[in-house]
Protein backbone atom coordinates (compact mmCIF):
# COMPACT_ATOMS: atom_id res chain seq x y z
CA UNK A 1 0.00 0.00 0.00
CA UNK A 2 1.72 3.17 -1.25
CA UNK A 3 -0.26 5.48 1.02
CA UNK A 4 -3.08 4.78 3.48
CA UNK A 5 -4.96 7.61 1.81
CA UNK A 6 -5.05 5.56 -1.38
CA UNK A 7 -6.33 2.31 0.14
CA UNK A 8 -9.35 1.09 -1.83
CA UNK A 9 -8.54 3.81 -4.38
CA UNK A 10 -10.19 6.30 -2.06
CA UNK A 11 -8.68 9.57 -3.29
CA UNK A 12 -9.47 9.14 -7.01
CA UNK A 13 -12.94 7.87 -6.14
CA UNK A 14 -13.61 10.87 -3.90
CA UNK A 15 -12.26 13.18 -6.61
CA UNK A 16 -14.68 11.72 -9.13
CA UNK A 17 -17.63 12.25 -6.79
CA UNK A 18 -16.55 15.84 -6.16
CA UNK A 19 -15.96 16.55 -9.86
CA UNK A 20 -19.29 15.05 -10.92
CA UNK A 21 -21.16 16.98 -8.24
CA UNK A 22 -19.54 20.27 -9.21
CA UNK A 23 -20.20 19.61 -12.91
CA UNK A 24 -23.89 19.07 -12.22
CA UNK A 25 -24.14 22.32 -10.30
CA UNK A 26 -22.12 24.14 -12.95
CA UNK A 27 -24.98 23.38 -15.35
CA UNK A 28 -27.52 24.66 -12.83
CA UNK A 29 -25.65 27.91 -12.18
CA UNK A 30 -24.92 28.46 -15.89
CA UNK A 31 -28.67 28.37 -16.42
CA UNK A 32 -28.99 31.32 -14.04
CA UNK A 33 -26.14 33.45 -15.40
CA UNK A 34 -22.77 33.12 -17.08
CA UNK A 35 -21.47 35.50 -14.41
CA UNK A 36 -21.60 32.66 -11.87
CA UNK A 37 -18.87 30.63 -13.58
CA UNK A 38 -16.08 32.15 -11.43
CA UNK A 39 -17.77 30.76 -8.32
CA UNK A 40 -17.81 27.23 -9.67
CA UNK A 41 -14.28 27.54 -11.04
CA UNK A 42 -13.00 28.67 -7.63
CA UNK A 43 -14.52 25.63 -5.88
CA UNK A 44 -13.26 23.30 -8.60
CA UNK A 45 -9.72 24.64 -8.30
CA UNK A 46 -9.74 24.46 -4.50
CA UNK A 47 -11.03 20.88 -4.49
CA UNK A 48 -8.82 19.76 -7.35
CA UNK A 49 -6.32 18.41 -4.83
CA UNK A 50 -5.75 17.90 -1.14
CA UNK A 51 -5.14 15.02 1.21
CA UNK A 52 -8.83 14.01 1.57
CA UNK A 53 -8.22 13.32 5.26
CA UNK A 54 -11.80 13.90 6.42
CA UNK A 55 -13.40 11.63 3.80
CA UNK A 56 -10.68 9.06 4.57
CA UNK A 57 -11.41 9.03 8.29
CA UNK A 58 -15.15 8.92 7.62
CA UNK A 59 -14.70 6.07 5.15
CA UNK A 60 -12.49 3.99 7.41
CA UNK A 61 -14.70 4.73 10.40
CA UNK A 62 -17.52 3.27 8.32
CA UNK A 63 -15.55 0.33 6.93
CA UNK A 64 -14.02 -0.46 10.33
CA UNK A 65 -17.54 -0.70 11.78
CA UNK A 66 -18.43 -3.30 9.15
CA UNK A 67 -19.94 -1.04 6.49
CA UNK A 68 -19.75 -2.45 2.93
CA UNK A 69 -17.90 -0.74 0.10
CA UNK A 70 -20.68 1.10 -1.75
CA UNK A 71 -20.87 4.19 -3.91
CA UNK A 72 -23.57 5.57 -1.62
CA UNK A 73 -21.25 5.46 1.39
CA UNK A 74 -18.47 6.98 -0.69
CA UNK A 75 -20.69 9.92 -1.63
CA UNK A 76 -21.55 10.47 2.02
CA UNK A 77 -17.86 10.55 2.96
CA UNK A 78 -17.01 12.84 0.02
CA UNK A 79 -19.51 15.42 1.30
CA UNK A 80 -16.92 16.35 3.93
CA UNK A 81 -14.71 17.81 1.20
CA UNK A 82 -17.28 20.55 0.65
CA UNK A 83 -17.53 21.19 4.37
CA UNK A 84 -13.74 21.50 4.43
CA UNK A 85 -13.86 23.90 1.47
CA UNK A 86 -16.30 26.09 3.42
CA UNK A 87 -14.00 26.07 6.44
CA UNK A 88 -10.89 26.89 4.40
CA UNK A 89 -12.51 29.74 2.48
CA UNK A 90 -13.92 31.38 5.60
CA UNK A 91 -10.73 30.74 7.58
CA UNK A 92 -8.68 32.52 4.92
CA UNK A 93 -11.03 35.52 5.10
CA UNK A 94 -10.70 35.69 8.89
CA UNK A 95 -6.92 35.27 8.79
CA UNK A 96 -6.40 37.57 5.80
CA UNK A 97 -4.45 34.81 4.01
CA UNK A 98 -3.53 35.52 0.40
CA UNK A 99 -2.74 31.94 -0.62
CA UNK A 100 -4.18 28.47 -0.22
CA UNK A 101 -2.63 25.30 -1.63
CA UNK A 102 -0.24 27.37 -3.70
CA UNK A 103 -3.05 29.40 -5.31
CA UNK A 104 -4.69 32.73 -4.46
CA UNK A 105 -7.16 32.34 -1.60
CA UNK A 106 -10.80 32.83 -2.58
CA UNK A 107 -11.18 36.40 -1.32
CA UNK A 108 -7.88 37.37 -2.96
CA UNK A 109 -8.92 35.68 -6.20
CA UNK A 110 -12.19 37.62 -6.39
CA UNK A 111 -10.48 40.87 -5.43
CA UNK A 112 -8.14 40.35 -8.41
CA UNK A 113 -11.15 39.66 -10.65
CA UNK A 114 -12.75 42.92 -9.52
CA UNK A 115 -9.53 44.89 -9.99
CA UNK A 116 -8.80 43.40 -13.41
CA UNK A 117 -12.34 44.11 -14.58
CA UNK A 118 -12.14 47.71 -13.37
CA UNK A 119 -15.47 47.45 -11.55
CA UNK A 120 -16.77 50.05 -9.12
CA UNK A 121 -16.08 50.03 -5.40
CA UNK A 122 -13.44 48.30 -3.31
CA UNK A 123 -11.84 45.16 -4.79
CA UNK A 124 -11.04 43.91 -1.28
CA UNK A 125 -14.62 44.31 -0.06
CA UNK A 126 -15.91 42.54 -3.17
CA UNK A 127 -13.43 39.72 -2.63
CA UNK A 128 -14.45 39.21 0.99
CA UNK A 129 -18.14 39.29 0.11
CA UNK A 130 -17.74 36.80 -2.72
CA UNK A 131 -15.65 34.47 -0.54
CA UNK A 132 -18.24 34.49 2.23
CA UNK A 133 -20.94 33.55 -0.27
CA UNK A 134 -18.70 30.89 -1.81
CA UNK A 135 -18.06 29.35 1.60
CA UNK A 136 -21.79 29.35 2.31
CA UNK A 137 -22.40 27.68 -1.04
CA UNK A 138 -19.90 24.94 -0.18
CA UNK A 139 -21.61 24.40 3.18
CA UNK A 140 -24.94 24.02 1.38
CA UNK A 141 -23.41 21.59 -1.10
CA UNK A 142 -21.92 19.50 1.71
CA UNK A 143 -25.39 19.05 3.19
CA UNK A 144 -26.88 18.28 -0.20
CA UNK A 145 -24.29 15.66 -1.13
CA UNK A 146 -24.62 13.90 2.23
CA UNK A 147 -28.41 13.86 2.23
CA UNK A 148 -28.68 12.77 -1.43
CA UNK A 149 -25.89 10.19 -1.13
CA UNK A 150 -28.30 7.28 -1.47
CA UNK A 151 -27.71 5.91 2.03
CA UNK A 152 -30.80 4.55 3.76
CA UNK A 153 -33.06 6.90 5.70
CA UNK A 154 -32.10 5.19 8.97
CA UNK A 155 -28.38 5.53 8.24
CA UNK A 156 -28.76 9.19 7.32
CA UNK A 157 -30.79 9.90 10.45
CA UNK A 158 -28.01 8.41 12.57
CA UNK A 159 -25.31 10.20 10.61
CA UNK A 160 -27.08 13.56 10.57
CA UNK A 161 -26.95 13.81 14.35
CA UNK A 162 -23.17 13.44 14.26
CA UNK A 163 -22.86 15.77 11.28
CA UNK A 164 -24.91 18.48 13.01
CA UNK A 165 -22.69 18.32 16.10
CA UNK A 166 -19.61 18.38 13.88
CA UNK A 167 -20.64 21.61 12.16
CA UNK A 168 -21.61 23.30 15.42
CA UNK A 169 -18.31 22.34 17.07
CA UNK A 170 -16.37 23.57 14.04
CA UNK A 171 -18.02 27.00 14.14
CA UNK A 172 -17.49 27.16 17.92
CA UNK A 173 -13.81 26.39 17.41
CA UNK A 174 -13.51 29.00 14.68
CA UNK A 175 -15.02 31.65 16.95
CA UNK A 176 -12.74 30.67 19.85
CA UNK A 177 -9.79 30.98 17.46
CA UNK A 178 -10.96 34.45 16.37
CA UNK A 179 -11.44 35.42 20.02
CA UNK A 180 -7.97 34.18 20.93
CA UNK A 181 -6.42 36.40 18.26
CA UNK A 182 -8.40 39.39 19.56
CA UNK A 183 -7.29 38.73 23.13
CA UNK A 184 -3.68 38.42 22.06
CA UNK A 185 -3.34 34.79 23.10
CA UNK A 186 -0.85 33.78 25.73
CA UNK A 187 -2.65 30.81 27.29
CA UNK A 188 -1.61 27.29 26.32
CA UNK A 189 -4.85 25.98 27.84
CA UNK A 190 -7.02 28.25 25.66
CA UNK A 191 -4.91 27.45 22.59
CA UNK A 192 -5.44 23.73 23.21
CA UNK A 193 -9.21 24.28 23.50
CA UNK A 194 -9.16 25.91 20.06
CA UNK A 195 -7.14 22.96 18.73
CA UNK A 196 -9.67 20.48 20.08
CA UNK A 197 -12.76 22.11 18.57
CA UNK A 198 -11.40 23.73 15.44
CA UNK A 199 -9.28 20.80 14.35
CA UNK A 200 -9.13 17.61 16.43
CA UNK A 201 -12.82 16.80 16.60
CA UNK A 202 -13.61 18.18 13.15
CA UNK A 203 -10.72 16.57 11.29
CA UNK A 204 -10.66 13.11 12.82
CA UNK A 205 -13.04 12.23 15.66
CA UNK A 206 -16.30 13.41 14.11
CA UNK A 207 -15.57 12.04 10.60
CA UNK A 208 -14.87 8.67 12.26
CA UNK A 209 -18.10 8.97 14.24
CA UNK A 210 -20.02 9.89 11.10
CA UNK A 211 -18.75 6.77 9.37
CA UNK A 212 -19.54 4.66 12.44
CA UNK A 213 -23.06 6.10 12.62
CA UNK A 214 -23.71 5.42 8.94
CA UNK A 215 -22.64 1.79 9.53
CA UNK A 216 -24.76 1.41 12.68
CA UNK A 217 -21.80 0.83 15.00
CA UNK A 218 -22.08 0.11 18.72
CA UNK A 219 -20.84 2.29 21.60
CA UNK A 220 -17.53 0.42 21.89
CA UNK A 221 -16.57 1.52 18.37
CA UNK A 222 -17.50 5.14 19.06
CA UNK A 223 -15.45 5.09 22.27
CA UNK A 224 -12.42 3.64 20.49
CA UNK A 225 -12.73 6.20 17.71
CA UNK A 226 -12.78 9.00 20.30
CA UNK A 227 -9.74 7.54 22.04
CA UNK A 228 -7.96 7.47 18.70
CA UNK A 229 -9.39 10.58 17.08
CA UNK A 230 -9.00 13.28 19.74
CA UNK A 231 -5.29 12.85 20.51
CA UNK A 232 -4.49 12.26 16.85
CA UNK A 233 -6.45 15.35 15.84
CA UNK A 234 -4.52 17.43 18.35
CA UNK A 235 -1.24 16.00 17.07
CA UNK A 236 -2.35 16.78 13.51
CA UNK A 237 -2.99 20.44 14.37
CA UNK A 238 0.28 20.73 16.27
CA UNK A 239 2.08 19.46 13.17
CA UNK A 240 0.18 22.05 11.14
CA UNK A 241 1.30 24.76 13.56
CA UNK A 242 4.93 23.68 13.25
CA UNK A 243 4.69 23.70 9.45
CA UNK A 244 3.05 27.14 9.56
CA UNK A 245 6.28 28.49 11.06
CA UNK A 246 9.03 26.16 9.88
CA UNK A 247 7.54 24.59 6.73
CA UNK A 248 9.03 24.82 3.25
CA UNK A 249 6.83 27.05 1.03
CA UNK A 250 7.50 24.74 -1.92
CA UNK A 251 5.76 21.96 -0.02
CA UNK A 252 3.18 23.78 2.10
CA UNK A 253 1.90 26.09 -0.66
CA UNK A 254 2.05 29.11 1.70
CA UNK A 255 4.77 31.76 2.11
CA UNK A 256 7.46 31.07 4.71
CA UNK A 257 6.31 32.13 8.17
CA UNK A 258 2.81 33.04 7.01
CA UNK A 259 1.29 32.04 10.35
CA UNK A 260 3.67 34.49 12.02
CA UNK A 261 2.53 37.37 9.79
CA UNK A 262 -1.08 36.48 10.52
CA UNK A 263 -0.31 36.50 14.25
CA UNK A 264 -1.86 33.10 14.91
CA UNK A 265 -1.99 32.37 18.64
CA UNK A 266 -1.14 28.68 18.39
CA UNK A 267 0.00 26.25 21.07
CA UNK A 268 3.51 26.71 19.67
CA UNK A 269 3.39 30.48 20.20
CA UNK A 270 1.68 30.22 23.59
CA UNK A 271 4.36 27.80 24.80
CA UNK A 272 7.12 30.09 23.54
CA UNK A 273 5.56 33.05 25.36
CA UNK A 274 5.29 31.08 28.61
CA UNK A 275 8.95 30.08 28.43
CA UNK A 276 10.41 33.26 26.95
CA UNK A 277 12.88 35.49 28.71
CA UNK A 278 11.85 39.17 28.90
CA UNK A 279 14.05 39.90 25.87
CA UNK A 280 12.58 37.01 23.89
CA UNK A 281 9.04 38.08 24.80
CA UNK A 282 9.79 41.54 23.41
CA UNK A 283 10.87 39.99 20.11
CA UNK A 284 7.70 37.91 19.89
CA UNK A 285 5.44 40.90 20.59
CA UNK A 286 7.41 43.06 18.15
CA UNK A 287 7.21 40.69 15.19
CA UNK A 288 4.17 38.44 15.66
CA UNK A 289 1.23 39.65 13.58
CA UNK A 290 3.30 42.06 11.47
CA UNK A 291 1.87 41.71 7.93
CA UNK A 292 5.11 43.12 6.53
CA UNK A 293 7.31 40.62 8.37
CA UNK A 294 10.40 39.98 6.24
CA UNK A 295 12.75 36.99 6.12
CA UNK A 296 14.91 38.42 8.90
CA UNK A 297 11.89 38.79 11.18
CA UNK A 298 10.75 35.25 10.37
CA UNK A 299 14.21 33.94 11.26
CA UNK A 300 14.19 35.90 14.52
CA UNK A 301 10.87 34.42 15.59
CA UNK A 302 11.88 30.93 14.52
CA UNK A 303 15.04 31.21 16.61
CA UNK A 304 13.08 32.38 19.66
CA UNK A 305 10.57 29.53 19.31
CA UNK A 306 13.36 27.00 19.04
CA UNK A 307 15.49 28.52 21.79
CA UNK A 308 12.62 28.57 24.30
CA UNK A 309 12.14 24.84 23.75
CA UNK A 310 8.64 25.38 22.34
CA UNK A 311 9.47 23.56 19.10
CA UNK A 312 10.94 20.55 20.92
CA UNK A 313 7.96 20.54 23.27
CA UNK A 314 5.52 20.50 20.33
CA UNK A 315 7.40 17.64 18.68
CA UNK A 316 7.29 15.69 21.94
CA UNK A 317 3.55 16.30 22.26
CA UNK A 318 2.99 15.12 18.69
CA UNK A 319 4.81 11.87 19.44
CA UNK A 320 3.00 11.27 22.74
CA UNK A 321 -0.44 12.07 21.33
CA UNK A 322 0.13 9.82 18.32
CA UNK A 323 1.13 6.97 20.64
CA UNK A 324 -2.08 7.51 22.65
CA UNK A 325 -4.14 7.38 19.48
CA UNK A 326 -2.57 4.15 18.27
CA UNK A 327 -3.02 2.51 21.67
CA UNK A 328 -6.77 3.22 21.48
CA UNK A 329 -7.07 1.09 18.35
CA UNK A 330 -6.08 -1.95 20.40
CA UNK A 331 -9.25 -1.57 22.47
CA UNK A 332 -11.64 -2.63 19.70
CA UNK A 333 -11.86 -5.23 16.94
CA UNK A 334 -12.41 -3.46 13.64
CA UNK A 335 -13.19 -5.05 10.31
CA UNK A 336 -9.99 -5.52 8.28
CA UNK A 337 -8.09 -3.71 6.94
CA UNK A 338 -9.33 -0.72 8.96
CA UNK A 339 -6.85 -1.01 11.84
CA UNK A 340 -3.93 -1.19 9.42
CA UNK A 341 -5.17 1.80 7.42
CA UNK A 342 -6.01 3.91 10.48
CA UNK A 343 -2.52 3.21 11.82
CA UNK A 344 -1.09 4.40 8.53
CA UNK A 345 -3.33 7.47 8.55
CA UNK A 346 -2.02 8.38 12.00
CA UNK A 347 1.51 8.53 10.67
CA UNK A 348 0.40 10.32 7.50
CA UNK A 349 -1.35 13.00 9.56
CA UNK A 350 1.53 13.67 11.93
CA UNK A 351 4.70 13.05 9.93
CA UNK A 352 3.70 15.08 6.88
CA UNK A 353 5.57 17.98 5.35
CA UNK A 354 2.43 19.68 3.97
């Protein structure tokens, strides 16, 4: 198995579902106005790649609980790609990010369209407005794809309860993240709460639970998926935080140190602040959140984060949390090859370079 993400040809199968769904709605929107094509093109470009982690965890949560390999279940899992698109588009607006996956972020893309067309008003305001609508459209499409997946009414009723909680928790986590930026961060405990609700539950635990619910799993499976999903989701976000500061732009698709320019109050930053000397704390406050931060400033902040031990601490947490997640899989008997694939997904989520 080359990659656990490709077991049972999952990624190309999810891509086909996504492409077919977008194509069908392209026809619908074209019937309204040709001016809507940029909306569809933006979604198509954003979802033209990616790791497909959330559909993968949903799929293997379903398969591990004994669910059969069906196109209906695949469509249900693929719906999470549109929910992720909504989250990414709105997150980029809130963070003021100019790039996503090596391309212009949605609000930046529509601002460029406005500017190039020499329309009236503010290009930036138009871009933000269009991106908000695009994210809302993706959220609507996620619901539509799940509920028209072809799964039985009983399965969808079970899954919808999980899906509703998942969306609510995601929005709660997004608000807590926004609040943490406004407060200026500084608390590792609050940063970890954001990690749990913005990332850990949304990326891994709830997709697993959605798959388990669709398959009609028992409480022992849900408990094991929580024991696996929460620590792994936290480790996944910690890895993302490390890459946001130390990642290679050629691999991450974002400029070097972009999280530092955006002033993200991550666990990595909160730990550095807790451990910083007065002089180091001054450097963090001086540079963090500076949109014009240059390479020298990025290097300064990287050095402070490393010198305080925050980077080593994050790496240690990633290892410990991943070990906790893998141990939880031993507590339940899953249908093969789910345990093997979920083990592989744990390493793929935490040892990645993008």
